[in-house]
Amino acid sequence: MSCCYNRCLEKRWGLSFRYNVMVNQLIQELEKYQLKGSFIFKQTSRLSEVCNIPTQSDLAGLYLFYDNDTNELLYVGISGRTNKDGILIFRKDGLRGRFLKGKQFGDFRRNSLPKQMISEGINSLKIKWYGTYHSDFFDQPRALEIKLLKTFINEYERLPRWNKEI
């Protein structure tokens, strides 16, 4: 089905198509990375205890947040930016540090995620992470993030609801 056909069905009949082909194909392509994982974060969880991203200062990549009940993609985030010469700059504490110490919704994730989940009625998040730039792979996280978000916009006419911008 085309995405225009899906939008027509959604508007006319209230049908929901959460899993369009292009976004799913891009997410499936992320499975090629050997350094990857996932974990469940509940409203009562301690983020630092459930997070299984390795402590590696030379690891950059992507992390995706899903509503664990509906499997809706809520957020795409990254660690690792490129400088003006196109060279990747790692955070001193790597992907894990960016994930754990990052801010979202105006506060540190460890504080803001449970509050946001409660306000939206989300019981648990499934968080998937991918090491896209390290000793085995050298794919720029920002380029992958842009590609995924632009494809999401093309299919859903919006960003994932927790992303503010590309």
Protein backbone atom coordinates (compact mmCIF):
# COMPACT_ATOMS: atom_id res chain seq x y z
CA MET A 1 0.00 0.00 0.00
CA SER A 2 1.20 3.49 -0.74
CA CYS A 3 1.55 5.97 2.07
CA CYS A 4 -1.06 8.25 0.40
CA TYR A 5 -3.51 5.33 0.35
CA ASN A 6 -2.76 4.69 4.04
CA ARG A 7 -3.40 8.36 4.92
CA CYS A 8 -6.68 8.25 2.99
CA LEU A 9 -7.80 5.16 4.92
CA GLU A 10 -6.70 6.75 8.19
CA LYS A 11 -8.68 9.95 7.53
CA ARG A 12 -11.76 8.28 6.13
CA TRP A 13 -12.07 5.19 8.33
CA GLY A 14 -9.87 5.96 11.32
CA LEU A 15 -7.58 3.05 10.47
CA SER A 16 -4.04 3.23 11.79
CA PHE A 17 -0.95 2.03 9.94
CA ARG A 18 1.92 2.31 12.41
CA TYR A 19 4.41 0.30 10.44
CA ASN A 20 5.03 1.70 7.01
CA VAL A 21 7.51 -0.09 4.83
CA MET A 22 10.28 2.50 4.40
CA VAL A 23 10.79 3.33 8.08
CA ASN A 24 10.73 -0.36 8.96
CA GLN A 25 13.29 -1.14 6.25
CA LEU A 26 15.67 1.49 7.64
CA ILE A 27 15.25 0.18 11.17
CA GLN A 28 15.84 -3.40 9.92
CA GLU A 29 19.07 -2.20 8.29
CA LEU A 30 20.30 -1.13 11.74
CA GLU A 31 20.32 -4.79 12.78
CA LYS A 32 23.56 -5.25 10.79
CA TYR A 33 25.51 -3.65 13.62
CA GLN A 34 27.09 -6.26 15.86
CA LEU A 35 27.24 -3.91 18.84
CA LYS A 36 23.55 -3.40 19.63
CA GLY A 37 20.98 -4.18 22.27
CA SER A 38 17.67 -3.31 23.84
CA PHE A 39 16.11 -3.00 27.26
CA ILE A 40 12.79 -2.18 28.88
CA PHE A 41 12.36 0.96 30.97
CA LYS A 42 9.31 1.11 33.25
CA GLN A 43 7.94 4.13 35.07
CA THR A 44 9.49 2.80 38.30
CA SER A 45 12.84 1.71 36.80
CA ARG A 46 16.20 3.34 37.49
CA LEU A 47 17.60 4.23 34.10
CA SER A 48 21.23 3.53 35.07
CA GLU A 49 20.29 0.04 36.30
CA VAL A 50 18.33 -1.16 33.25
CA CYS A 51 20.53 0.47 30.60
CA ASN A 52 22.74 -2.17 28.95
CA ILE A 53 24.69 0.15 26.64
CA PRO A 54 28.39 -0.63 27.22
CA THR A 55 30.69 1.83 28.93
CA GLN A 56 32.96 2.65 26.01
CA SER A 57 34.29 6.11 25.27
CA ASP A 58 34.91 5.27 21.59
CA LEU A 59 31.30 4.21 20.87
CA ALA A 60 28.81 6.39 19.02
CA GLY A 61 25.44 5.48 17.57
CA LEU A 62 21.67 5.70 17.68
CA TYR A 63 19.00 4.93 20.25
CA LEU A 64 15.29 4.52 19.53
CA PHE A 65 12.45 4.78 22.08
CA TYR A 66 9.26 2.79 21.51
CA ASP A 67 6.04 2.60 23.49
CA ASN A 68 6.39 -1.04 24.58
CA ASP A 69 2.62 -1.66 24.44
CA THR A 70 1.89 -0.17 21.00
CA ASN A 71 5.39 -0.39 19.46
CA GLU A 72 5.05 3.24 18.30
CA LEU A 73 8.41 4.84 17.56
CA LEU A 74 8.54 7.83 19.91
CA TYR A 75 12.07 9.15 19.62
CA VAL A 76 15.31 8.84 17.67
CA GLY A 77 18.47 10.09 19.39
CA ILE A 78 22.21 9.89 18.79
CA SER A 79 25.59 10.22 20.37
CA GLY A 80 28.49 11.44 18.26
CA ARG A 81 28.62 14.54 16.08
CA THR A 82 30.91 15.43 13.22
CA ASN A 83 33.11 18.49 13.14
CA LYS A 84 33.37 20.84 10.14
CA ASP A 85 35.91 18.50 8.53
CA GLY A 86 33.53 15.53 8.76
CA ILE A 87 35.45 13.83 11.55
CA LEU A 88 33.37 12.19 14.28
CA ILE A 89 33.69 13.66 17.75
CA PHE A 90 32.95 11.14 20.51
CA ARG A 91 31.49 12.15 23.83
CA LYS A 92 34.04 11.51 26.53
CA ASP A 93 31.66 8.95 28.07
CA GLY A 94 30.41 7.51 24.76
CA LEU A 95 26.93 6.41 23.75
CA ARG A 96 26.03 5.23 27.26
CA GLY A 97 26.98 8.56 28.80
CA ARG A 98 24.98 10.54 26.25
CA PHE A 99 21.98 8.32 26.82
CA LEU A 100 22.13 8.40 30.62
CA LYS A 101 23.18 12.03 31.10
CA GLY A 102 21.19 13.55 28.25
CA LYS A 103 18.28 15.89 28.83
CA GLN A 104 14.80 15.53 27.47
CA PHE A 105 11.59 17.40 28.31
CA GLY A 106 13.63 20.03 30.16
CA ASP A 107 15.33 17.71 32.65
CA PHE A 108 17.72 14.77 32.83
CA ARG A 109 16.19 11.64 31.30
CA ARG A 110 16.36 9.76 34.59
CA ASN A 111 13.86 12.32 35.94
CA SER A 112 11.87 13.33 32.87
CA LEU A 113 11.14 9.96 31.25
CA PRO A 114 9.02 8.56 34.10
CA LYS A 115 7.08 11.84 34.36
CA GLN A 116 6.45 11.96 30.60
CA MET A 117 5.41 8.30 30.55
CA ILE A 118 2.91 8.88 33.36
CA SER A 119 1.48 11.99 31.67
CA GLU A 120 1.01 10.07 28.39
CA GLY A 121 -0.17 6.81 29.95
CA ILE A 122 2.85 4.84 28.73
CA ASN A 123 3.57 1.81 30.95
CA SER A 124 7.02 1.00 29.62
CA LEU A 125 9.49 1.94 26.92
CA LYS A 126 11.46 -0.45 24.78
CA ILE A 127 14.77 1.19 24.05
CA LYS A 128 16.91 -0.15 21.20
CA TRP A 129 20.47 1.04 20.69
CA TYR A 130 22.99 0.54 17.90
CA GLY A 131 26.73 1.16 17.90
CA THR A 132 27.14 2.59 14.40
CA TYR A 133 30.62 4.06 14.81
CA HIS A 134 33.31 2.10 16.64
CA SER A 135 36.04 -0.45 15.82
CA ASP A 136 33.91 -2.50 13.37
CA PHE A 137 31.65 0.09 11.69
CA PHE A 138 32.17 3.72 10.76
CA ASP A 139 28.66 4.96 9.91
CA GLN A 140 28.02 8.52 11.07
CA PRO A 141 25.15 8.52 13.61
CA ARG A 142 23.89 11.95 12.53
CA ALA A 143 23.58 10.90 8.87
CA LEU A 144 21.59 7.82 9.92
CA GLU A 145 19.40 9.89 12.24
CA ILE A 146 18.60 12.41 9.48
CA LYS A 147 17.79 9.64 7.00
CA LEU A 148 15.49 7.90 9.47
CA LEU A 149 13.71 11.09 10.55
CA LYS A 150 13.22 12.35 6.98
CA THR A 151 11.80 8.97 5.98
CA PHE A 152 9.50 9.07 9.01
CA ILE A 153 8.28 12.54 8.00
CA ASN A 154 7.65 11.37 4.42
CA GLU A 155 5.51 8.50 5.68
CA TYR A 156 3.71 10.06 8.65
CA GLU A 157 3.87 13.78 7.80
CA ARG A 158 5.41 14.49 11.21
CA LEU A 159 8.39 13.64 13.40
CA PRO A 160 8.19 10.93 16.06
CA ARG A 161 6.27 12.67 18.82
CA TRP A 162 9.22 13.10 21.20
CA ASN A 163 11.56 14.50 18.56
CA LYS A 164 11.42 18.29 18.27
CA GLU A 165 13.46 18.73 15.10
CA ILE A 166 15.70 16.96 12.66
